[in-house]
C-alpha cells in the first residue's frame, strides 16, 4: 500500500464523503422520495460533486504505485437506478450538448439520467477502492475519471438542470404574469 501525505488523505476522506452524499441523493430522488424537490435536490447534488471534483483537478496528478487497477469484482448493477431516474425525469430528461466546444460546434443528444448514472458509476468505483484501503488508487480513479469524463458530464448535467429549473420557475403564462405585475403595483 502506498503511503500518502496528510493533505491527500484529507482530500480522499472529503471526496469519499462527497461521493456518498451524491449517491444517497441521486438514489433517493430515483426512488421518488421527494418528487416536488427532484430538480433542486439534483441541482445541489451535482453542484456539490463538481466542487469536490474541482479539488481533484486543482491538485497535482495522483499516480498509484501499481500501473494497473486491482480487480474489484463485478461492477454494481446501475440499470435500476437509471430506469428510476428516467421515470423521475420524464419530460425533461433529454437535452442537446456540444461535444467539445474547443474543437467545434458538433452536438449530441444526451440524457440527464444517463449523466447522473455515469457520474455515480465513477464515484462508486473510487469508493470501492477507498473502502478497501487503497486510498491512492481511489484518488487516482476519482481524479482521472473527473478529468476524462464525469467532470464534463456533471457540468453539462448541471447546466441542463439549472435551465430546466429556470423554465419551471420563470416560464409563466402572460395572463398570470400580468396579473402578478398588476397586484405588485397595487400593493
Protein backbone atom coordinates (compact mmCIF):
# COMPACT_ATOMS: atom_id res chain seq x y z
CA UNK A 1 0.00 0.00 0.00
CA UNK A 2 1.27 3.46 -0.90
CA UNK A 3 1.69 5.96 1.92
CA UNK A 4 0.18 9.35 1.09
CA UNK A 5 0.61 12.66 2.85
CA UNK A 6 -1.99 14.12 5.19
CA UNK A 7 -3.25 16.64 2.62
CA UNK A 8 -4.04 13.94 0.07
CA UNK A 9 -5.53 11.73 2.74
CA UNK A 10 -7.79 14.65 3.75
CA UNK A 11 -8.85 15.18 0.15
CA UNK A 12 -9.63 11.47 -0.18
CA UNK A 13 -11.65 11.46 3.03
CA UNK A 14 -13.62 14.51 1.88
CA UNK A 15 -14.10 13.05 -1.62
CA UNK A 16 -15.42 9.80 -0.17
CA UNK A 17 -17.96 11.76 1.88
CA UNK A 18 -18.97 13.86 -1.12
CA UNK A 19 -19.32 10.73 -3.28
CA UNK A 20 -21.53 9.06 -0.68
CA UNK A 21 -23.69 12.19 -0.36
CA UNK A 22 -24.14 12.36 -4.14
CA UNK A 23 -25.04 8.67 -4.36
CA UNK A 24 -27.52 8.96 -1.48
CA UNK A 25 -29.27 11.96 -3.00
CA UNK A 26 -29.46 10.51 -6.51
CA UNK A 27 -30.73 7.18 -5.15
CA UNK A 28 -33.41 8.91 -3.04
CA UNK A 29 -34.53 11.05 -5.98
CA UNK A 30 -34.68 7.97 -8.20
CA UNK A 31 -36.80 6.21 -5.57
CA UNK A 32 -39.29 9.08 -5.68
CA UNK A 33 -38.65 10.16 -2.09
CA UNK A 34 -39.43 13.87 -2.78
CA UNK A 35 -40.92 14.32 -6.26
CA UNK A 36 -41.54 18.05 -5.77
CA UNK A 37 -37.89 18.55 -4.84
CA UNK A 38 -36.37 16.42 -7.63
CA UNK A 39 -34.81 19.28 -9.60
CA UNK A 40 -33.47 21.28 -6.64
CA UNK A 41 -32.04 18.17 -4.98
CA UNK A 42 -30.29 17.05 -8.16
CA UNK A 43 -29.01 20.60 -8.78
CA UNK A 44 -27.47 20.65 -5.30
CA UNK A 45 -26.04 17.12 -5.56
CA UNK A 46 -24.38 17.77 -8.92
CA UNK A 47 -23.09 21.19 -7.79
CA UNK A 48 -21.58 19.68 -4.65
CA UNK A 49 -19.88 16.86 -6.50
CA UNK A 50 -18.47 19.34 -9.02
CA UNK A 51 -16.88 21.28 -6.15
CA UNK A 52 -15.34 18.02 -4.96
CA UNK A 53 -14.12 17.27 -8.46
CA UNK A 54 -12.62 20.74 -8.76
CA UNK A 55 -10.38 19.95 -5.80
CA UNK A 56 -9.17 16.88 -7.68
CA UNK A 57 -8.50 18.93 -10.79
CA UNK A 58 -6.54 21.51 -8.80
CA UNK A 59 -4.07 19.09 -7.22
CA UNK A 60 -1.01 17.52 -8.80
CA UNK A 61 -1.71 14.27 -10.63
CA UNK A 62 -2.10 11.35 -8.29
CA UNK A 63 -0.13 8.36 -9.55
CA UNK A 64 -0.59 4.97 -7.90
CA UNK A 65 2.39 2.71 -7.34
CA UNK A 66 0.94 -0.09 -9.44
CA UNK A 67 0.25 0.63 -13.10
CA UNK A 68 -2.90 -1.47 -13.16
CA UNK A 69 -6.19 -1.21 -11.37
CA UNK A 70 -6.81 -4.05 -8.93
CA UNK A 71 -9.83 -6.20 -9.77
CA UNK A 72 -12.72 -5.24 -7.54
CA UNK A 73 -15.07 -7.88 -8.87
CA UNK A 74 -18.17 -7.23 -10.94
CA UNK A 75 -19.39 -3.68 -11.37
CA UNK A 76 -22.56 -2.79 -9.46
CA UNK A 77 -25.76 -3.01 -11.50
CA UNK A 78 -26.87 0.56 -12.22
CA UNK A 79 -29.76 -0.28 -14.54
CA UNK A 80 -32.42 0.04 -11.81
CA UNK A 81 -31.04 3.46 -10.85
CA UNK A 82 -31.05 4.57 -14.50
CA UNK A 83 -34.61 3.30 -15.04
CA UNK A 84 -35.90 5.05 -11.92
CA UNK A 85 -34.18 8.31 -12.87
CA UNK A 86 -35.70 8.14 -16.36
CA UNK A 87 -39.11 7.92 -14.68
CA UNK A 88 -38.34 10.72 -12.20
CA UNK A 89 -37.15 13.00 -15.02
CA UNK A 90 -39.86 12.17 -17.55
CA UNK A 91 -40.34 15.09 -19.91
CA UNK A 92 -37.09 16.86 -19.01
CA UNK A 93 -34.53 14.09 -19.39
CA UNK A 94 -33.24 14.66 -22.93
CA UNK A 95 -31.07 17.58 -23.97
CA UNK A 96 -28.57 18.65 -26.63
CA UNK A 97 -24.95 19.30 -25.73
CA UNK A 98 -21.84 20.48 -27.57
CA UNK A 99 -19.38 17.57 -27.82
CA UNK A 100 -16.22 19.67 -27.37
CA UNK A 101 -16.60 23.45 -27.50
CA UNK A 102 -12.87 23.85 -28.14
CA UNK A 103 -12.90 21.69 -31.24
CA UNK A 104 -16.13 22.74 -32.92
CA UNK A 105 -19.86 23.02 -32.68
CA UNK A 106 -20.82 19.36 -33.13
CA UNK A 107 -23.72 18.45 -30.85
CA UNK A 108 -25.05 15.22 -29.40
CA UNK A 109 -28.28 14.13 -27.75
CA UNK A 110 -27.85 13.15 -24.09
CA UNK A 111 -29.99 12.42 -21.08
CA UNK A 112 -29.78 13.84 -17.58
CA UNK A 113 -30.48 10.37 -16.18
CA UNK A 114 -27.61 8.87 -18.18
CA UNK A 115 -25.26 11.61 -16.99
CA UNK A 116 -26.27 11.17 -13.35
CA UNK A 117 -25.67 7.43 -13.59
CA UNK A 118 -22.32 7.88 -15.35
CA UNK A 119 -21.17 10.16 -12.53
CA UNK A 120 -22.44 7.63 -9.97
CA UNK A 121 -20.51 4.80 -11.64
CA UNK A 122 -17.23 6.72 -11.47
CA UNK A 123 -17.79 7.73 -7.86
CA UNK A 124 -18.68 4.17 -6.85
CA UNK A 125 -15.53 2.82 -8.50
CA UNK A 126 -13.40 5.21 -6.45
CA UNK A 127 -15.36 4.40 -3.29
CA UNK A 128 -14.78 0.70 -3.82
CA UNK A 129 -11.02 1.33 -3.82
CA UNK A 130 -11.26 3.71 -0.88
CA UNK A 131 -13.28 1.32 1.25
CA UNK A 132 -10.73 -1.47 0.72
CA UNK A 133 -7.95 0.81 1.97
CA UNK A 134 -6.45 1.68 -1.42
CA UNK A 135 -6.66 5.44 -0.89
CA UNK A 136 -4.13 6.37 -3.57
CA UNK A 137 -5.92 4.19 -6.12
CA UNK A 138 -9.24 5.80 -5.13
CA UNK A 139 -7.80 9.30 -5.54
CA UNK A 140 -6.23 8.37 -8.86
CA UNK A 141 -9.54 6.93 -10.12
CA UNK A 142 -11.61 9.90 -8.99
CA UNK A 143 -9.12 12.39 -10.44
CA UNK A 144 -8.64 10.57 -13.74
CA UNK A 145 -12.35 9.98 -14.26
CA UNK A 146 -13.17 13.58 -13.26
CA UNK A 147 -10.76 14.97 -15.85
CA UNK A 148 -11.65 12.46 -18.56
CA UNK A 149 -15.38 12.03 -18.12
CA UNK A 150 -17.55 12.81 -15.14
CA UNK A 151 -16.41 16.41 -14.67
CA UNK A 152 -17.58 17.35 -18.15
CA UNK A 153 -20.69 15.22 -17.76
CA UNK A 154 -21.53 16.84 -14.42
CA UNK A 155 -21.02 20.33 -15.86
CA UNK A 156 -23.37 19.55 -18.72
CA UNK A 157 -25.97 17.97 -16.44
CA UNK A 158 -25.72 20.90 -14.01
CA UNK A 159 -26.35 23.42 -16.77
CA UNK A 160 -29.30 21.42 -18.03
CA UNK A 161 -30.82 21.04 -14.55
CA UNK A 162 -30.40 24.78 -13.96
CA UNK A 163 -32.08 25.57 -17.29
CA UNK A 164 -34.98 23.20 -16.57
CA UNK A 165 -35.43 24.72 -13.12
CA UNK A 166 -35.34 28.22 -14.60
CA UNK A 167 -38.01 27.29 -17.16
CA UNK A 168 -40.19 25.71 -14.49
CA UNK A 169 -39.98 28.75 -12.25
CA UNK A 170 -39.86 31.58 -14.78
CA UNK A 171 -41.97 30.47 -17.74
CA UNK A 172 -45.45 31.62 -16.80
CA UNK A 173 -48.49 32.36 -18.85
CA UNK A 174 -48.69 36.02 -19.96
CA UNK A 175 -52.03 36.48 -18.16
CA UNK A 176 -50.60 35.16 -14.90
CA UNK A 177 -47.54 37.42 -15.23
CA UNK A 178 -49.70 40.48 -15.99
CA UNK A 179 -51.96 39.76 -13.03
CA UNK A 180 -48.96 39.34 -10.69
CA UNK A 181 -47.44 42.58 -12.01
CA UNK A 182 -50.74 44.43 -11.51
CA UNK A 183 -51.07 43.10 -7.94
CA UNK A 184 -47.47 44.09 -7.18
CA UNK A 185 -48.06 47.61 -8.44
CA UNK A 186 -51.25 47.96 -6.37
CA UNK A 187 -49.63 46.95 -3.09
